[in-house]
């Protein structure tokens, strides 16, 4: 309930939920990419896991972009 109310009021302020969620995903993507570069050649299992995180962040960002496009078409 509280979250719905907060999202609605946020939308009125022209700050969308899509924007709010994309910022932390971008931060996770950045941290994972930096960690992966630092580990190049070492800790192959951790390097692989970070690769999965990066892929998932890219996929989430693609969904966010699609949602933004749908929202623009609906406005």
N, C-alpha and C. Protein backbone atom coordinates (compact mmCIF):
# COMPACT_ATOMS: atom_id res chain seq x y z
N UNK A 1 0.82 -1.20 0.00
CA UNK A 1 0.00 0.00 0.00
C UNK A 1 0.86 1.26 0.00
N UNK A 2 1.78 1.36 0.95
CA UNK A 2 2.61 2.54 1.05
C UNK A 2 3.40 2.76 -0.25
N UNK A 3 3.93 1.66 -0.80
CA UNK A 3 4.74 1.75 -2.02
C UNK A 3 3.90 2.30 -3.18
N UNK A 4 2.67 1.81 -3.33
CA UNK A 4 1.79 2.29 -4.41
C UNK A 4 1.55 3.78 -4.26
N UNK A 5 1.28 4.22 -3.07
CA UNK A 5 1.00 5.63 -2.81
C UNK A 5 2.22 6.47 -3.14
N UNK A 6 3.39 5.98 -2.74
CA UNK A 6 4.63 6.70 -2.99
C UNK A 6 4.91 6.77 -4.50
N UNK A 7 4.68 5.69 -5.20
CA UNK A 7 4.90 5.68 -6.65
C UNK A 7 3.96 6.65 -7.35
N UNK A 8 2.69 6.66 -6.95
CA UNK A 8 1.73 7.58 -7.56
C UNK A 8 2.15 9.02 -7.35
N UNK A 9 2.53 9.38 -6.13
CA UNK A 9 2.91 10.76 -5.86
C UNK A 9 4.22 11.09 -6.58
N UNK A 10 5.09 10.12 -6.70
CA UNK A 10 6.34 10.32 -7.42
C UNK A 10 6.07 10.58 -8.89
N UNK A 11 5.10 9.88 -9.46
CA UNK A 11 4.75 10.06 -10.86
C UNK A 11 4.21 11.46 -11.09
N UNK A 12 3.42 11.95 -10.15
CA UNK A 12 2.90 13.31 -10.26
C UNK A 12 4.03 14.32 -10.29
N UNK A 13 5.11 14.04 -9.60
CA UNK A 13 6.27 14.92 -9.59
C UNK A 13 7.17 14.68 -10.78
N UNK A 14 6.68 13.97 -11.76
CA UNK A 14 7.40 13.66 -13.00
C UNK A 14 8.67 12.86 -12.78
N UNK A 15 8.71 12.12 -11.69
CA UNK A 15 9.81 11.20 -11.45
C UNK A 15 9.19 9.81 -11.44
N UNK A 16 9.49 9.03 -12.45
CA UNK A 16 8.82 7.74 -12.58
C UNK A 16 9.53 6.63 -11.81
N UNK A 17 8.78 5.60 -11.56
CA UNK A 17 9.31 4.41 -10.92
C UNK A 17 10.42 3.82 -11.78
N UNK A 18 10.23 3.88 -13.09
CA UNK A 18 11.22 3.34 -14.02
C UNK A 18 12.56 4.04 -13.81
N UNK A 19 12.54 5.33 -13.66
CA UNK A 19 13.78 6.08 -13.42
C UNK A 19 14.37 5.71 -12.07
N UNK A 20 13.52 5.62 -11.08
CA UNK A 20 13.99 5.31 -9.72
C UNK A 20 14.66 3.94 -9.64
N UNK A 21 14.17 2.97 -10.39
CA UNK A 21 14.74 1.63 -10.33
C UNK A 21 15.98 1.51 -11.21
N UNK A 22 16.08 2.33 -12.25
CA UNK A 22 17.23 2.21 -13.15
C UNK A 22 18.52 2.69 -12.50
N UNK A 23 18.44 3.63 -11.59
CA UNK A 23 19.66 4.13 -10.95
C UNK A 23 20.39 3.06 -10.14
N UNK A 24 19.72 2.31 -9.25
CA UNK A 24 20.45 1.28 -8.52
C UNK A 24 20.94 0.15 -9.41
N UNK A 25 20.19 -0.17 -10.47
CA UNK A 25 20.65 -1.21 -11.39
C UNK A 25 21.92 -0.76 -12.09
N UNK A 26 21.96 0.50 -12.50
CA UNK A 26 23.16 1.04 -13.14
C UNK A 26 24.35 1.02 -12.17
N UNK A 27 24.10 1.32 -10.91
CA UNK A 27 25.18 1.28 -9.91
C UNK A 27 25.70 -0.14 -9.75
N UNK A 28 24.81 -1.11 -9.66
CA UNK A 28 25.22 -2.52 -9.53
C UNK A 28 26.04 -2.93 -10.75
N UNK A 29 25.59 -2.54 -11.93
CA UNK A 29 26.30 -2.85 -13.17
C UNK A 29 27.70 -2.25 -13.14
N UNK A 30 27.82 -1.02 -12.73
CA UNK A 30 29.12 -0.35 -12.68
C UNK A 30 30.06 -1.03 -11.69
N UNK A 31 29.57 -1.31 -10.49
CA UNK A 31 30.41 -1.96 -9.47
C UNK A 31 30.85 -3.35 -9.93
N UNK A 32 29.95 -4.10 -10.54
CA UNK A 32 30.29 -5.45 -11.00
C UNK A 32 31.32 -5.38 -12.13
N UNK A 33 31.17 -4.43 -13.03
CA UNK A 33 32.12 -4.29 -14.14
C UNK A 33 33.51 -3.91 -13.63
N UNK A 34 33.56 -3.00 -12.67
CA UNK A 34 34.85 -2.59 -12.10
C UNK A 34 35.50 -3.78 -11.37
N UNK A 35 34.72 -4.49 -10.58
CA UNK A 35 35.26 -5.65 -9.85
C UNK A 35 35.77 -6.71 -10.83
N UNK A 36 35.04 -6.90 -11.92
CA UNK A 36 35.44 -7.89 -12.91
C UNK A 36 36.77 -7.50 -13.56
N UNK A 37 36.93 -6.23 -13.87
CA UNK A 37 38.20 -5.76 -14.45
C UNK A 37 39.35 -5.95 -13.47
N UNK A 38 39.09 -5.66 -12.20
CA UNK A 38 40.14 -5.80 -11.18
C UNK A 38 40.55 -7.26 -10.99
N UNK A 39 39.61 -8.18 -11.21
CA UNK A 39 39.88 -9.60 -11.00
C UNK A 39 40.35 -10.32 -12.26
N UNK A 40 40.55 -9.60 -13.34
CA UNK A 40 40.92 -10.23 -14.62
C UNK A 40 42.05 -11.24 -14.42
N UNK A 41 41.77 -12.48 -14.77
CA UNK A 41 42.77 -13.53 -14.66
C UNK A 41 42.85 -14.21 -13.30
N UNK A 42 42.25 -13.62 -12.29
CA UNK A 42 42.26 -14.21 -10.94
C UNK A 42 40.83 -14.56 -10.55
N UNK A 43 40.67 -15.42 -9.63
CA UNK A 43 39.35 -15.81 -9.10
C UNK A 43 38.34 -16.06 -10.22
N UNK A 44 38.58 -17.09 -11.04
CA UNK A 44 37.71 -17.31 -12.20
C UNK A 44 36.23 -17.53 -11.86
N UNK A 45 35.95 -18.14 -10.75
CA UNK A 45 34.54 -18.38 -10.39
C UNK A 45 33.84 -17.05 -10.05
N UNK A 46 34.51 -16.21 -9.29
CA UNK A 46 33.94 -14.90 -8.95
C UNK A 46 33.80 -14.06 -10.22
N UNK A 47 34.79 -14.13 -11.11
CA UNK A 47 34.76 -13.40 -12.38
C UNK A 47 33.54 -13.84 -13.20
N UNK A 48 33.28 -15.15 -13.21
CA UNK A 48 32.12 -15.69 -13.93
C UNK A 48 30.80 -15.20 -13.31
N UNK A 49 30.72 -15.21 -12.00
CA UNK A 49 29.51 -14.75 -11.31
C UNK A 49 29.27 -13.27 -11.61
N UNK A 50 30.32 -12.47 -11.58
CA UNK A 50 30.18 -11.05 -11.91
C UNK A 50 29.69 -10.87 -13.34
N UNK A 51 30.13 -11.75 -14.23
CA UNK A 51 29.64 -11.71 -15.61
C UNK A 51 28.14 -11.94 -15.68
N UNK A 52 27.64 -12.88 -14.87
CA UNK A 52 26.20 -13.13 -14.82
C UNK A 52 25.44 -11.91 -14.28
N UNK A 53 26.00 -11.28 -13.27
CA UNK A 53 25.38 -10.07 -12.72
C UNK A 53 25.31 -8.98 -13.78
N UNK A 54 26.39 -8.81 -14.52
CA UNK A 54 26.43 -7.80 -15.58
C UNK A 54 25.39 -8.10 -16.65
N UNK A 55 25.29 -9.35 -17.07
CA UNK A 55 24.29 -9.75 -18.07
C UNK A 55 22.88 -9.46 -17.58
N UNK A 56 22.61 -9.81 -16.33
CA UNK A 56 21.27 -9.58 -15.78
C UNK A 56 20.95 -8.09 -15.67
N UNK A 57 21.94 -7.29 -15.32
CA UNK A 57 21.72 -5.84 -15.27
C UNK A 57 21.41 -5.28 -16.65
N UNK A 58 22.13 -5.76 -17.66
CA UNK A 58 21.84 -5.32 -19.02
C UNK A 58 20.42 -5.71 -19.43
N UNK A 59 20.02 -6.92 -19.06
CA UNK A 59 18.66 -7.38 -19.39
C UNK A 59 17.62 -6.52 -18.66
N UNK A 60 17.88 -6.20 -17.41
CA UNK A 60 16.95 -5.35 -16.66
C UNK A 60 16.87 -3.96 -17.29
N UNK A 61 18.01 -3.42 -17.70
CA UNK A 61 18.00 -2.11 -18.35
C UNK A 61 17.23 -2.13 -19.66
N UNK A 62 17.31 -3.22 -20.40
CA UNK A 62 16.54 -3.35 -21.64
C UNK A 62 15.04 -3.31 -21.34
N UNK A 63 14.63 -3.99 -20.28
CA UNK A 63 13.22 -3.98 -19.89
C UNK A 63 12.78 -2.58 -19.47
N UNK A 64 13.64 -1.87 -18.78
CA UNK A 64 13.34 -0.50 -18.36
C UNK A 64 13.17 0.39 -19.58
N UNK A 65 14.06 0.25 -20.56
CA UNK A 65 13.95 1.05 -21.78
C UNK A 65 12.64 0.76 -22.52
N UNK A 66 12.26 -0.51 -22.58
CA UNK A 66 10.99 -0.88 -23.22
C UNK A 66 9.81 -0.27 -22.47
N UNK A 67 9.88 -0.29 -21.14
CA UNK A 67 8.82 0.29 -20.33
C UNK A 67 8.72 1.80 -20.57
N UNK A 68 9.86 2.46 -20.67
CA UNK A 68 9.86 3.90 -20.97
C UNK A 68 9.21 4.18 -22.32
N UNK A 69 9.54 3.36 -23.32
CA UNK A 69 8.96 3.55 -24.66
C UNK A 69 7.45 3.36 -24.62
N UNK A 70 6.99 2.34 -23.91
CA UNK A 70 5.56 2.11 -23.79
C UNK A 70 4.86 3.25 -23.09
N UNK A 71 5.52 3.78 -22.06
CA UNK A 71 4.94 4.89 -21.31
C UNK A 71 4.83 6.13 -22.20
N UNK A 72 5.86 6.39 -23.01
CA UNK A 72 5.83 7.55 -23.91
C UNK A 72 4.70 7.41 -24.93
N UNK A 73 4.51 6.20 -25.44
CA UNK A 73 3.44 5.96 -26.42
C UNK A 73 2.07 6.16 -25.79
N UNK A 74 1.98 5.85 -24.49
CA UNK A 74 0.70 5.97 -23.78
C UNK A 74 0.36 7.38 -23.35
N UNK A 75 1.36 8.26 -23.28
CA UNK A 75 1.12 9.64 -22.83
C UNK A 75 0.51 10.51 -23.90
